[in-house]
C-alpha atoms as a PDB file:
ATOM      1  CA  MET A   1     103.105  77.018 146.252  1.00  0.00           C
ATOM      2  CA  ASP A   2     105.446  77.049 143.338  1.00  0.00           C
ATOM      3  CA  LEU A   3     105.781  76.233 139.667  1.00  0.00           C
ATOM      4  CA  SER A   4     104.299  72.755 140.131  1.00  0.00           C
ATOM      5  CA  THR A   5     101.136  74.303 141.602  1.00  0.00           C
ATOM      6  CA  ALA A   6     100.818  76.664 138.654  1.00  0.00           C
ATOM      7  CA  LYS A   7     101.321  73.795 136.227  1.00  0.00           C
ATOM      8  CA  SER A   8      98.697  71.720 138.045  1.00  0.00           C
ATOM      9  CA  LEU A   9      96.169  74.555 137.832  1.00  0.00           C
ATOM     10  CA  ILE A  10      96.856  74.999 134.130  1.00  0.00           C
ATOM     11  CA  GLU A  11      96.591  71.246 133.574  1.00  0.00           C
ATOM     12  CA  GLY A  12      93.201  71.248 135.298  1.00  0.00           C
ATOM     13  CA  ALA A  13      92.025  74.132 133.125  1.00  0.00           C
ATOM     14  CA  VAL A  14      93.221  72.365 129.965  1.00  0.00           C
ATOM     15  CA  ILE A  15      91.495  69.130 131.029  1.00  0.00           C
ATOM     16  CA  GLY A  16      88.308  71.118 131.602  1.00  0.00           C
ATOM     17  CA  LEU A  17      88.713  72.733 128.198  1.00  0.00           C
ATOM     18  CA  ASN A  18      89.165  69.304 126.574  1.00  0.00           C
ATOM     19  CA  ALA A  19      86.235  67.757 128.451  1.00  0.00           C
ATOM     20  CA  TYR A  20      83.263  66.247 126.650  1.00  0.00           C
ATOM     21  CA  ILE A  21      81.103  68.773 124.855  1.00  0.00           C
ATOM     22  CA  LYS A  22      78.540  70.437 127.069  1.00  0.00           C
ATOM     23  CA  PRO A  23      75.987  73.188 126.496  1.00  0.00           C
ATOM     24  CA  GLY A  24      77.795  76.501 126.226  1.00  0.00           C
ATOM     25  CA  GLY A  25      81.172  74.767 126.198  1.00  0.00           C
ATOM     26  CA  ILE A  26      83.949  75.005 123.661  1.00  0.00           C
ATOM     27  CA  TYR A  27      84.403  71.985 121.452  1.00  0.00           C
ATOM     28  CA  ARG A  28      87.896  71.264 120.178  1.00  0.00           C
ATOM     29  CA  TYR A  29      86.727  69.905 116.825  1.00  0.00           C
ATOM     30  CA  ALA A  30      84.383  72.789 116.047  1.00  0.00           C
ATOM     31  CA  PRO A  31      85.497  75.034 113.202  1.00  0.00           C
ATOM     32  CA  GLY A  32      87.251  78.177 114.296  1.00  0.00           C
ATOM     33  CA  THR A  33      90.260  79.113 116.338  1.00  0.00           C
ATOM     34  CA  LEU A  34      88.680  79.762 119.744  1.00  0.00           C
ATOM     35  CA  PHE A  35      89.898  76.485 121.261  1.00  0.00           C
ATOM     36  CA  ASP A  36      93.473  77.102 120.096  1.00  0.00           C
ATOM     37  CA  GLU A  37      93.425  80.693 121.353  1.00  0.00           C
ATOM     38  CA  ILE A  38      92.223  79.695 124.825  1.00  0.00           C
ATOM     39  CA  LEU A  39      94.754  76.868 125.003  1.00  0.00           C
ATOM     40  CA  CYS A  40      97.542  79.309 124.090  1.00  0.00           C
ATOM     41  CA  ASN A  41      96.279  81.713 126.786  1.00  0.00           C
ATOM     42  CA  LEU A  42      96.332  79.014 129.452  1.00  0.00           C
ATOM     43  CA  ILE A  43      99.796  77.713 128.591  1.00  0.00           C
ATOM     44  CA  THR A  44     101.283  81.208 128.431  1.00  0.00           C
ATOM     45  CA  LEU A  45      99.838  82.005 131.863  1.00  0.00           C
ATOM     46  CA  ILE A  46     102.151  79.593 133.758  1.00  0.00           C
ATOM     47  CA  ASP A  47     104.949  82.116 134.413  1.00  0.00           C
ATOM     48  CA  GLY A  48     102.449  84.795 135.375  1.00  0.00           C
ATOM     49  CA  LEU A  49     100.813  82.438 137.870  1.00  0.00           C
ATOM     50  CA  VAL A  50     104.153  81.730 139.514  1.00  0.00           C
ATOM     51  CA  LYS A  51     104.673  85.465 140.094  1.00  0.00           C
ATOM     52  CA  VAL A  52     101.152  85.829 141.484  1.00  0.00           C
ATOM     53  CA  ILE A  53     101.754  82.857 143.808  1.00  0.00           C
ATOM     54  CA  ASP A  54     104.934  84.506 145.104  1.00  0.00           C
ATOM     55  CA  LEU A  55     103.123  87.793 145.746  1.00  0.00           C
ATOM     56  CA  GLY A  56     100.276  85.982 147.495  1.00  0.00           C
ATOM     57  CA  ASN A  57     102.754  84.163 149.732  1.00  0.00           C
ATOM     58  CA  LYS A  58     104.384  87.467 150.692  1.00  0.00           C
ATOM     59  CA  VAL A  59     100.976  88.847 151.675  1.00  0.00           C
ATOM     60  CA  ARG A  60     100.186  85.746 153.746  1.00  0.00           C
ATOM     61  CA  ARG A  61     103.524  85.963 155.569  1.00  0.00           C
ATOM     62  CA  GLY A  62     102.978  89.651 156.311  1.00  0.00           C
ATOM     63  CA  LYS A  63     105.885  90.931 154.199  1.00  0.00           C
ATOM     64  CA  LEU A  64     103.512  92.806 151.897  1.00  0.00           C
ATOM     65  CA  THR A  65     100.062  94.285 152.412  1.00  0.00           C
ATOM     66  CA  VAL A  66      97.217  93.760 150.016  1.00  0.00           C
ATOM     67  CA  THR A  67      96.840  97.511 149.541  1.00  0.00           C
ATOM     68  CA  ASN A  68     100.524  97.803 148.576  1.00  0.00           C
ATOM     69  CA  THR A  69     100.430  94.893 146.163  1.00  0.00           C
ATOM     70  CA  PRO A  70     101.085  96.069 142.631  1.00  0.00           C
ATOM     71  CA  CYS A  71      97.935  95.353 140.592  1.00  0.00           C
ATOM     72  CA  LYS A  72     100.097  95.581 137.513  1.00  0.00           C
ATOM     73  CA  GLU A  73     102.035  92.481 138.603  1.00  0.00           C
ATOM     74  CA  VAL A  74      98.925  90.525 139.547  1.00  0.00           C
ATOM     75  CA  VAL A  75      96.577  91.157 136.629  1.00  0.00           C
ATOM     76  CA  ILE A  76      97.974  93.431 133.939  1.00  0.00           C
ATOM     77  CA  ASN A  77     101.382  91.846 133.297  1.00  0.00           C
ATOM     78  CA  PRO A  78     100.035  88.290 132.776  1.00  0.00           C
ATOM     79  CA  LEU A  79      97.405  89.614 130.355  1.00  0.00           C
ATOM     80  CA  LYS A  80     100.012  91.650 128.453  1.00  0.00           C
ATOM     81  CA  GLU A  81     102.293  88.621 128.167  1.00  0.00           C
ATOM     82  CA  ILE A  82      99.425  86.512 126.860  1.00  0.00           C
ATOM     83  CA  PHE A  83      98.609  89.156 124.263  1.00  0.00           C
ATOM     84  CA  ARG A  84     102.256  89.332 123.157  1.00  0.00           C
ATOM     85  CA  THR A  85     102.422  85.555 122.761  1.00  0.00           C
ATOM     86  CA  CYS A  86      98.961  84.668 121.459  1.00  0.00           C
ATOM     87  CA  ASN A  87      97.807  87.943 119.827  1.00  0.00           C
ATOM     88  CA  THR A  88      94.491  87.598 121.643  1.00  0.00           C
ATOM     89  CA  VAL A  89      93.371  87.424 125.262  1.00  0.00           C
ATOM     90  CA  HIS A  90      90.345  85.649 126.692  1.00  0.00           C
ATOM     91  CA  PRO A  91      90.164  87.135 130.196  1.00  0.00           C
ATOM     92  CA  GLN A  92      87.086  85.101 131.081  1.00  0.00           C
ATOM     93  CA  TYR A  93      89.385  82.049 131.263  1.00  0.00           C
ATOM     94  CA  VAL A  94      92.558  83.696 132.533  1.00  0.00           C
ATOM     95  CA  VAL A  95      91.415  86.052 135.295  1.00  0.00           C
ATOM     96  CA  PRO A  96      89.596  83.382 137.365  1.00  0.00           C
ATOM     97  CA  LEU A  97      92.821  81.361 137.532  1.00  0.00           C
ATOM     98  CA  VAL A  98      94.807  84.403 138.649  1.00  0.00           C
ATOM     99  CA  VAL A  99      92.237  85.321 141.298  1.00  0.00           C
ATOM    100  CA  GLY A 100      92.025  81.713 142.457  1.00  0.00           C
ATOM    101  CA  VAL A 101      95.781  81.528 142.930  1.00  0.00           C
ATOM    102  CA  TRP A 102      95.863  84.888 144.690  1.00  0.00           C
ATOM    103  CA  HIS A 103      93.333  83.731 147.303  1.00  0.00           C
ATOM    104  CA  TRP A 104      94.716  80.206 147.625  1.00  0.00           C
ATOM    105  CA  ASP A 105      95.017  78.999 151.214  1.00  0.00           C
END
């Protein structure tokens, strides 16, 4: 997995975000900034996902153990970068992508 995988995951999340309005969903034409904030979060996450993919590959190859994996690199750093870029973080959209990439087979 590499940058193209991260971009594909983000593209899927953005397509899901832009999907037809559904109950409980976020509508892009609704007043407010929630849609823009989540979109910024997802786009900013690409570099963080690449790092998580690299760490996950090291664990799968046996070069790193899960217990020795720095949680800061997996979860905290991507969230901090999103906050620096977007001034707000929506972890309910970001963390599932990170966890999904981490456990990707």
